[in-house]
Amino acid sequence: MSESSMAVQEHSFSMIALFMQADWVVKSVMLGLLLASVWCWAIIANRISTYARARRDMAAFDRAFASGRPLAELRSDYAGKDASGLSAVFLAAMEEWDKSHAQHAATAGGLQSRLEIALDLAVTEQSAELEKRLAFLATIGSAGPFVGLFGTVWGIMNAFTAIASAENTSLAVVAPGIAEALLATALGLLAAIPAVIAYNKLNADAGELIGRLEAFADRLVALLSRQLDAGKTL
């Protein structure tokens, strides 16, 4: 066995050993990518749970709304609760309806315009809640590989510096530094690939839920506008 082969075997190439042997810059990159990966998975789990709960709540409210119950009765059921999704949009419309009638400002055109504004604000607020933290996934998905590449380039620079210092181009001198450098790229991909896939899926799910909010807001404005034109109360 050659001396270079024996020297290579003296180095441990496990992930922990490569991390411990790495330069402090490469270590910082690796730690940052590992933390980003953990945070991405926490966001993914949180958003999956949030969207599943939002679908259940929307389905339950849709059934109650379509049952034909008086809107005043439906409002009393949800008033005082931690409203979200469709119920939050509904309560925002009911609040504007009550304020307009209390101030004798319930003209057809004026009230409809105010209802549309109130519902737009409610939908925007609920949309922001649904899309919360998705931007972080997009950022890691796009920047993660480049951060890992930076660690790799830095590590390879150190490897070439070691070659120059040792005046030796044998595998024993080159291999450890390059292995440490490539580990940074691997960690960058480890963080980025799940983030990209999850962002695409979760962004589509959020868009679907936001679409349901917008459709319900349109239905509610039409219903309340008919109530107003007919001179009916809730």
C-alpha atoms as a PDB file:
ATOM      1  CA  MET A   1       0.000   0.000   0.000  1.00  0.00           C
ATOM      2  CA  SER A   2       1.357   3.452  -0.944  1.00  0.00           C
ATOM      3  CA  GLU A   3       2.094   6.176   1.596  1.00  0.00           C
ATOM      4  CA  SER A   4      -0.618   8.416   0.117  1.00  0.00           C
ATOM      5  CA  SER A   5      -3.241   5.671   0.489  1.00  0.00           C
ATOM      6  CA  MET A   6      -2.225   5.069   4.096  1.00  0.00           C
ATOM      7  CA  ALA A   7      -2.414   8.798   4.820  1.00  0.00           C
ATOM      8  CA  VAL A   8      -5.905   9.007   3.350  1.00  0.00           C
ATOM      9  CA  GLN A   9      -7.055   6.122   5.537  1.00  0.00           C
ATOM     10  CA  GLU A  10      -5.838   7.991   8.609  1.00  0.00           C
ATOM     11  CA  HIS A  11      -8.511  10.620   8.009  1.00  0.00           C
ATOM     12  CA  SER A  12     -12.070   9.840   9.016  1.00  0.00           C
ATOM     13  CA  PHE A  13     -14.613  10.679   6.333  1.00  0.00           C
ATOM     14  CA  SER A  14     -17.738  10.464   8.442  1.00  0.00           C
ATOM     15  CA  MET A  15     -19.979  13.545   8.330  1.00  0.00           C
ATOM     16  CA  ILE A  16     -19.172  14.482  11.935  1.00  0.00           C
ATOM     17  CA  ALA A  17     -15.450  14.095  11.380  1.00  0.00           C
ATOM     18  CA  LEU A  18     -15.572  16.145   8.187  1.00  0.00           C
ATOM     19  CA  PHE A  19     -17.469  18.866  10.029  1.00  0.00           C
ATOM     20  CA  MET A  20     -14.964  18.926  12.893  1.00  0.00           C
ATOM     21  CA  GLN A  21     -12.012  19.081  10.498  1.00  0.00           C
ATOM     22  CA  ALA A  22     -13.508  21.902   8.425  1.00  0.00           C
ATOM     23  CA  ASP A  23     -12.457  25.536   8.458  1.00  0.00           C
ATOM     24  CA  TRP A  24     -14.562  27.849  10.686  1.00  0.00           C
ATOM     25  CA  VAL A  25     -16.140  29.499   7.641  1.00  0.00           C
ATOM     26  CA  VAL A  26     -17.229  26.146   6.230  1.00  0.00           C
ATOM     27  CA  LYS A  27     -18.449  25.101   9.683  1.00  0.00           C
ATOM     28  CA  SER A  28     -20.559  28.262   9.883  1.00  0.00           C
ATOM     29  CA  VAL A  29     -22.065  27.515   6.480  1.00  0.00           C
ATOM     30  CA  MET A  30     -22.846  23.928   7.475  1.00  0.00           C
ATOM     31  CA  LEU A  31     -24.429  24.940  10.781  1.00  0.00           C
ATOM     32  CA  GLY A  32     -26.509  27.623   9.083  1.00  0.00           C
ATOM     33  CA  LEU A  33     -27.773  25.180   6.482  1.00  0.00           C
ATOM     34  CA  LEU A  34     -28.604  22.550   9.105  1.00  0.00           C
ATOM     35  CA  LEU A  35     -30.569  25.080  11.149  1.00  0.00           C
ATOM     36  CA  ALA A  36     -32.342  26.283   8.002  1.00  0.00           C
ATOM     37  CA  SER A  37     -33.263  22.713   7.120  1.00  0.00           C
ATOM     38  CA  VAL A  38     -34.703  22.064  10.597  1.00  0.00           C
ATOM     39  CA  TRP A  39     -36.677  25.313  10.471  1.00  0.00           C
ATOM     40  CA  CYS A  40     -37.999  24.436   6.998  1.00  0.00           C
ATOM     41  CA  TRP A  41     -39.335  21.115   8.248  1.00  0.00           C
ATOM     42  CA  ALA A  42     -40.949  22.863  11.227  1.00  0.00           C
ATOM     43  CA  ILE A  43     -42.665  25.299   8.844  1.00  0.00           C
ATOM     44  CA  ILE A  44     -43.787  22.466   6.578  1.00  0.00           C
ATOM     45  CA  ALA A  45     -45.357  20.572   9.490  1.00  0.00           C
ATOM     46  CA  ASN A  46     -47.013  23.747  10.792  1.00  0.00           C
ATOM     47  CA  ARG A  47     -48.475  24.728   7.415  1.00  0.00           C
ATOM     48  CA  ILE A  48     -49.773  21.215   6.701  1.00  0.00           C
ATOM     49  CA  SER A  49     -51.549  21.201  10.051  1.00  0.00           C
ATOM     50  CA  THR A  50     -52.860  24.744   9.561  1.00  0.00           C
ATOM     51  CA  TYR A  51     -54.243  24.025   6.091  1.00  0.00           C
ATOM     52  CA  ALA A  52     -55.897  20.794   7.209  1.00  0.00           C
ATOM     53  CA  ARG A  53     -57.603  22.652  10.058  1.00  0.00           C
ATOM     54  CA  ALA A  54     -58.603  25.501   7.717  1.00  0.00           C
ATOM     55  CA  ARG A  55     -60.240  23.044   5.316  1.00  0.00           C
ATOM     56  CA  ARG A  56     -62.229  21.436   8.143  1.00  0.00           C
ATOM     57  CA  ASP A  57     -63.339  24.815   9.491  1.00  0.00           C
ATOM     58  CA  MET A  58     -64.331  26.063   6.050  1.00  0.00           C
ATOM     59  CA  ALA A  59     -66.301  22.910   5.316  1.00  0.00           C
ATOM     60  CA  ALA A  60     -68.129  23.174   8.647  1.00  0.00           C
ATOM     61  CA  PHE A  61     -68.970  26.855   8.103  1.00  0.00           C
ATOM     62  CA  ASP A  62     -70.041  26.208   4.516  1.00  0.00           C
ATOM     63  CA  ARG A  63     -72.533  23.600   5.752  1.00  0.00           C
ATOM     64  CA  ALA A  64     -73.894  25.988   8.386  1.00  0.00           C
ATOM     65  CA  PHE A  65     -74.131  28.869   5.921  1.00  0.00           C
ATOM     66  CA  ALA A  66     -75.856  26.754   3.273  1.00  0.00           C
ATOM     67  CA  SER A  67     -78.370  25.356   5.778  1.00  0.00           C
ATOM     68  CA  GLY A  68     -80.587  28.416   5.393  1.00  0.00           C
ATOM     69  CA  ARG A  69     -80.343  29.499   9.010  1.00  0.00           C
ATOM     70  CA  PRO A  70     -80.871  33.231   9.679  1.00  0.00           C
ATOM     71  CA  LEU A  71     -77.636  35.178   9.437  1.00  0.00           C
ATOM     72  CA  ALA A  72     -78.226  36.708  12.876  1.00  0.00           C
ATOM     73  CA  GLU A  73     -78.387  33.243  14.400  1.00  0.00           C
ATOM     74  CA  LEU A  74     -75.275  32.142  12.539  1.00  0.00           C
ATOM     75  CA  ARG A  75     -73.466  35.258  13.718  1.00  0.00           C
ATOM     76  CA  SER A  76     -74.372  34.575  17.354  1.00  0.00           C
ATOM     77  CA  ASP A  77     -72.912  31.079  17.039  1.00  0.00           C
ATOM     78  CA  TYR A  78     -69.524  32.395  15.919  1.00  0.00           C
ATOM     79  CA  ALA A  79     -69.381  35.708  17.807  1.00  0.00           C
ATOM     80  CA  GLY A  80     -66.802  35.750  20.580  1.00  0.00           C
ATOM     81  CA  LYS A  81     -64.914  32.779  19.172  1.00  0.00           C
ATOM     82  CA  ASP A  82     -61.431  32.819  17.677  1.00  0.00           C
ATOM     83  CA  ALA A  83     -62.774  33.220  14.164  1.00  0.00           C
ATOM     84  CA  SER A  84     -60.650  32.361  11.158  1.00  0.00           C
ATOM     85  CA  GLY A  85     -61.209  31.638   7.502  1.00  0.00           C
ATOM     86  CA  LEU A  86     -64.788  31.942   6.301  1.00  0.00           C
ATOM     87  CA  SER A  87     -66.174  32.728   9.743  1.00  0.00           C
ATOM     88  CA  ALA A  88     -63.792  35.693  10.099  1.00  0.00           C
ATOM     89  CA  VAL A  89     -64.890  37.039   6.709  1.00  0.00           C
ATOM     90  CA  PHE A  90     -68.536  36.547   7.651  1.00  0.00           C
ATOM     91  CA  LEU A  91     -68.163  38.343  10.986  1.00  0.00           C
ATOM     92  CA  ALA A  92     -66.374  41.262   9.298  1.00  0.00           C
ATOM     93  CA  ALA A  93     -69.352  41.706   6.967  1.00  0.00           C
ATOM     94  CA  MET A  94     -71.820  41.478   9.839  1.00  0.00           C
ATOM     95  CA  GLU A  95     -69.896  44.087  11.805  1.00  0.00           C
ATOM     96  CA  GLU A  96     -70.035  46.538   8.904  1.00  0.00           C
ATOM     97  CA  TRP A  97     -73.744  45.779   8.405  1.00  0.00           C
ATOM     98  CA  ASP A  98     -74.478  46.557  12.059  1.00  0.00           C
ATOM     99  CA  LYS A  99     -72.409  49.762  12.083  1.00  0.00           C
ATOM    100  CA  SER A 100     -74.049  51.083   8.924  1.00  0.00           C
ATOM    101  CA  HIS A 101     -77.555  50.427  10.234  1.00  0.00           C
ATOM    102  CA  ALA A 102     -76.713  51.854  13.673  1.00  0.00           C
ATOM    103  CA  GLN A 103     -75.576  55.099  12.047  1.00  0.00           C
ATOM    104  CA  HIS A 104     -78.490  55.152   9.571  1.00  0.00           C
ATOM    105  CA  ALA A 105     -76.037  54.923   6.692  1.00  0.00           C
ATOM    106  CA  ALA A 106     -77.406  51.755   5.107  1.00  0.00           C
ATOM    107  CA  THR A 107     -78.038  53.109   1.630  1.00  0.00           C
ATOM    108  CA  ALA A 108     -77.817  50.514  -1.107  1.00  0.00           C
ATOM    109  CA  GLY A 109     -74.752  51.865  -2.901  1.00  0.00           C
ATOM    110  CA  GLY A 110     -72.871  53.077   0.161  1.00  0.00           C
ATOM    111  CA  LEU A 111     -73.345  49.940   2.225  1.00  0.00           C
ATOM    112  CA  GLN A 112     -72.392  47.654  -0.631  1.00  0.00           C
ATOM    113  CA  SER A 113     -69.174  49.611  -1.193  1.00  0.00           C
ATOM    114  CA  ARG A 114     -68.311  49.468   2.497  1.00  0.00           C
ATOM    115  CA  LEU A 115     -69.103  45.757   2.633  1.00  0.00           C
ATOM    116  CA  GLU A 116     -66.778  45.111  -0.281  1.00  0.00           C
ATOM    117  CA  ILE A 117     -63.997  47.061   1.427  1.00  0.00           C
ATOM    118  CA  ALA A 118     -64.541  45.266   4.756  1.00  0.00           C
ATOM    119  CA  LEU A 119     -64.556  41.876   3.050  1.00  0.00           C
ATOM    120  CA  ASP A 120     -61.453  42.683   1.003  1.00  0.00           C
ATOM    121  CA  LEU A 121     -59.619  43.605   4.190  1.00  0.00           C
ATOM    122  CA  ALA A 122     -60.799  40.445   5.936  1.00  0.00           C
ATOM    123  CA  VAL A 123     -59.773  38.256   2.995  1.00  0.00           C
ATOM    124  CA  THR A 124     -56.377  39.971   2.845  1.00  0.00           C
ATOM    125  CA  GLU A 125     -55.828  39.386   6.553  1.00  0.00           C
ATOM    126  CA  GLN A 126     -56.770  35.722   6.321  1.00  0.00           C
ATOM    127  CA  SER A 127     -54.666  35.292   3.176  1.00  0.00           C
ATOM    128  CA  ALA A 128     -51.623  36.708   4.947  1.00  0.00           C
ATOM    129  CA  GLU A 129     -52.176  34.238   7.778  1.00  0.00           C
ATOM    130  CA  LEU A 130     -52.359  31.331   5.326  1.00  0.00           C
ATOM    131  CA  GLU A 131     -49.218  32.423   3.466  1.00  0.00           C
ATOM    132  CA  LYS A 132     -47.224  33.097   6.633  1.00  0.00           C
ATOM    133  CA  ARG A 133     -43.656  31.714   6.575  1.00  0.00           C
ATOM    134  CA  LEU A 134     -43.918  30.432   2.984  1.00  0.00           C
ATOM    135  CA  ALA A 135     -41.477  33.132   1.907  1.00  0.00           C
ATOM    136  CA  PHE A 136     -38.816  31.517   4.099  1.00  0.00           C
ATOM    137  CA  LEU A 137     -39.218  28.233   2.224  1.00  0.00           C
ATOM    138  CA  ALA A 138     -38.859  30.062  -1.083  1.00  0.00           C
ATOM    139  CA  THR A 139     -35.745  31.843   0.162  1.00  0.00           C
ATOM    140  CA  ILE A 140     -34.061  28.650   1.351  1.00  0.00           C
ATOM    141  CA  GLY A 141     -35.084  26.850  -1.821  1.00  0.00           C
ATOM    142  CA  SER A 142     -33.415  29.459  -4.001  1.00  0.00           C
ATOM    143  CA  ALA A 143     -30.470  30.500  -1.820  1.00  0.00           C
ATOM    144  CA  GLY A 144     -29.591  27.210  -0.112  1.00  0.00           C
ATOM    145  CA  PRO A 145     -27.568  25.698  -2.990  1.00  0.00           C
ATOM    146  CA  PHE A 146     -25.613  28.932  -3.427  1.00  0.00           C
ATOM    147  CA  VAL A 147     -24.802  29.142   0.273  1.00  0.00           C
ATOM    148  CA  GLY A 148     -23.597  25.540   0.128  1.00  0.00           C
ATOM    149  CA  LEU A 149     -21.605  26.353  -3.000  1.00  0.00           C
ATOM    150  CA  PHE A 150     -19.935  29.223  -1.168  1.00  0.00           C
ATOM    151  CA  GLY A 151     -18.846  26.793   1.552  1.00  0.00           C
ATOM    152  CA  THR A 152     -17.569  24.409  -1.112  1.00  0.00           C
ATOM    153  CA  VAL A 153     -15.575  27.088  -2.914  1.00  0.00           C
ATOM    154  CA  TRP A 154     -14.062  28.255   0.365  1.00  0.00           C
ATOM    155  CA  GLY A 155     -13.163  24.694   1.320  1.00  0.00           C
ATOM    156  CA  ILE A 156     -11.544  24.006  -2.049  1.00  0.00           C
ATOM    157  CA  MET A 157      -9.547  27.223  -1.719  1.00  0.00           C
ATOM    158  CA  ASN A 158      -8.240  25.909   1.608  1.00  0.00           C
ATOM    159  CA  ALA A 159      -7.459  22.556  -0.017  1.00  0.00           C
ATOM    160  CA  PHE A 160      -5.355  24.223  -2.712  1.00  0.00           C
ATOM    161  CA  THR A 161      -3.653  26.326  -0.067  1.00  0.00           C
ATOM    162  CA  ALA A 162      -2.758  23.121   1.771  1.00  0.00           C
ATOM    163  CA  ILE A 163      -1.366  21.686  -1.458  1.00  0.00           C
ATOM    164  CA  ALA A 164       0.799  24.751  -1.989  1.00  0.00           C
ATOM    165  CA  SER A 165       2.033  24.733   1.599  1.00  0.00           C
ATOM    166  CA  ALA A 166       2.870  21.034   1.568  1.00  0.00           C
ATOM    167  CA  GLU A 167       4.246  21.156  -1.981  1.00  0.00           C
ATOM    168  CA  ASN A 168       2.507  17.840  -2.435  1.00  0.00           C
ATOM    169  CA  THR A 169      -0.346  17.016  -4.803  1.00  0.00           C
ATOM    170  CA  SER A 170      -1.012  13.547  -3.420  1.00  0.00           C
ATOM    171  CA  LEU A 171      -4.536  12.391  -2.628  1.00  0.00           C
ATOM    172  CA  ALA A 172      -3.712  12.437   1.083  1.00  0.00           C
ATOM    173  CA  VAL A 173      -3.358  16.208   0.976  1.00  0.00           C
ATOM    174  CA  VAL A 174      -6.258  16.972  -1.355  1.00  0.00           C
ATOM    175  CA  ALA A 175      -8.981  14.500  -0.349  1.00  0.00           C
ATOM    176  CA  PRO A 176      -9.904  15.676   3.182  1.00  0.00           C
ATOM    177  CA  GLY A 177     -10.304  19.335   2.229  1.00  0.00           C
ATOM    178  CA  ILE A 178     -12.339  18.558  -0.883  1.00  0.00           C
ATOM    179  CA  ALA A 179     -14.555  16.128   1.051  1.00  0.00           C
ATOM    180  CA  GLU A 180     -15.256  18.809   3.662  1.00  0.00           C
ATOM    181  CA  ALA A 181     -16.022  21.311   0.923  1.00  0.00           C
ATOM    182  CA  LEU A 182     -18.400  19.000  -0.919  1.00  0.00           C
ATOM    183  CA  LEU A 183     -20.261  18.293   2.328  1.00  0.00           C
ATOM    184  CA  ALA A 184     -21.305  21.967   2.376  1.00  0.00           C
ATOM    185  CA  THR A 185     -22.877  21.595  -1.071  1.00  0.00           C
ATOM    186  CA  ALA A 186     -24.652  18.425   0.028  1.00  0.00           C
ATOM    187  CA  LEU A 187     -26.115  20.227   3.035  1.00  0.00           C
ATOM    188  CA  GLY A 188     -27.207  23.097   0.813  1.00  0.00           C
ATOM    189  CA  LEU A 189     -29.128  20.679  -1.390  1.00  0.00           C
ATOM    190  CA  LEU A 190     -30.480  18.887   1.687  1.00  0.00           C
ATOM    191  CA  ALA A 191     -32.054  22.155   2.811  1.00  0.00           C
ATOM    192  CA  ALA A 192     -33.097  23.441  -0.611  1.00  0.00           C
ATOM    193  CA  ILE A 193     -34.768  20.442  -2.254  1.00  0.00           C
ATOM    194  CA  PRO A 194     -37.471  19.823   0.396  1.00  0.00           C
ATOM    195  CA  ALA A 195     -37.996  23.580   0.702  1.00  0.00           C
ATOM    196  CA  VAL A 196     -38.672  23.974  -3.028  1.00  0.00           C
ATOM    197  CA  ILE A 197     -41.001  20.977  -3.223  1.00  0.00           C
ATOM    198  CA  ALA A 198     -42.881  22.005  -0.072  1.00  0.00           C
ATOM    199  CA  TYR A 199     -43.157  25.634  -1.178  1.00  0.00           C
ATOM    200  CA  ASN A 200     -44.724  24.679  -4.503  1.00  0.00           C
ATOM    201  CA  LYS A 201     -47.231  22.354  -2.826  1.00  0.00           C
ATOM    202  CA  LEU A 202     -48.073  24.628   0.099  1.00  0.00           C
ATOM    203  CA  ASN A 203     -48.324  27.711  -2.099  1.00  0.00           C
ATOM    204  CA  ALA A 204     -50.845  25.888  -4.294  1.00  0.00           C
ATOM    205  CA  ASP A 205     -52.808  24.817  -1.202  1.00  0.00           C
ATOM    206  CA  ALA A 206     -52.815  28.371   0.124  1.00  0.00           C
ATOM    207  CA  GLY A 207     -54.013  29.649  -3.238  1.00  0.00           C
ATOM    208  CA  GLU A 208     -56.886  27.172  -3.186  1.00  0.00           C
ATOM    209  CA  LEU A 209     -57.964  28.266   0.299  1.00  0.00           C
ATOM    210  CA  ILE A 210     -57.652  31.952  -0.591  1.00  0.00           C
ATOM    211  CA  GLY A 211     -59.795  31.314  -3.647  1.00  0.00           C
ATOM    212  CA  ARG A 212     -62.495  29.873  -1.382  1.00  0.00           C
ATOM    213  CA  LEU A 213     -62.318  32.969   0.816  1.00  0.00           C
ATOM    214  CA  GLU A 214     -62.692  35.284  -2.164  1.00  0.00           C
ATOM    215  CA  ALA A 215     -65.583  33.282  -3.604  1.00  0.00           C
ATOM    216  CA  PHE A 216     -67.396  33.316  -0.260  1.00  0.00           C
ATOM    217  CA  ALA A 217     -66.877  37.079   0.071  1.00  0.00           C
ATOM    218  CA  ASP A 218     -68.511  37.587  -3.340  1.00  0.00           C
ATOM    219  CA  ARG A 219     -71.448  35.364  -2.378  1.00  0.00           C
ATOM    220  CA  LEU A 220     -71.888  37.211   0.899  1.00  0.00           C
ATOM    221  CA  VAL A 221     -71.886  40.650  -0.736  1.00  0.00           C
ATOM    222  CA  ALA A 222     -74.512  39.484  -3.223  1.00  0.00           C
ATOM    223  CA  LEU A 223     -76.685  38.026  -0.451  1.00  0.00           C
ATOM    224  CA  LEU A 224     -76.502  41.118   1.754  1.00  0.00           C
ATOM    225  CA  SER A 225     -77.108  43.382  -1.224  1.00  0.00           C
ATOM    226  CA  ARG A 226     -80.329  41.495  -1.989  1.00  0.00           C
ATOM    227  CA  GLN A 227     -81.336  41.743   1.674  1.00  0.00           C
ATOM    228  CA  LEU A 228     -80.789  45.494   1.562  1.00  0.00           C
ATOM    229  CA  ASP A 229     -82.640  46.047  -1.702  1.00  0.00           C
ATOM    230  CA  ALA A 230     -85.568  44.015  -0.397  1.00  0.00           C
ATOM    231  CA  GLY A 231     -85.649  46.068   2.802  1.00  0.00           C
ATOM    232  CA  LYS A 232     -85.063  43.010   4.937  1.00  0.00           C
ATOM    233  CA  THR A 233     -83.131  42.798   8.168  1.00  0.00           C
ATOM    234  CA  LEU A 234     -80.967  39.981   9.412  1.00  0.00           C
END
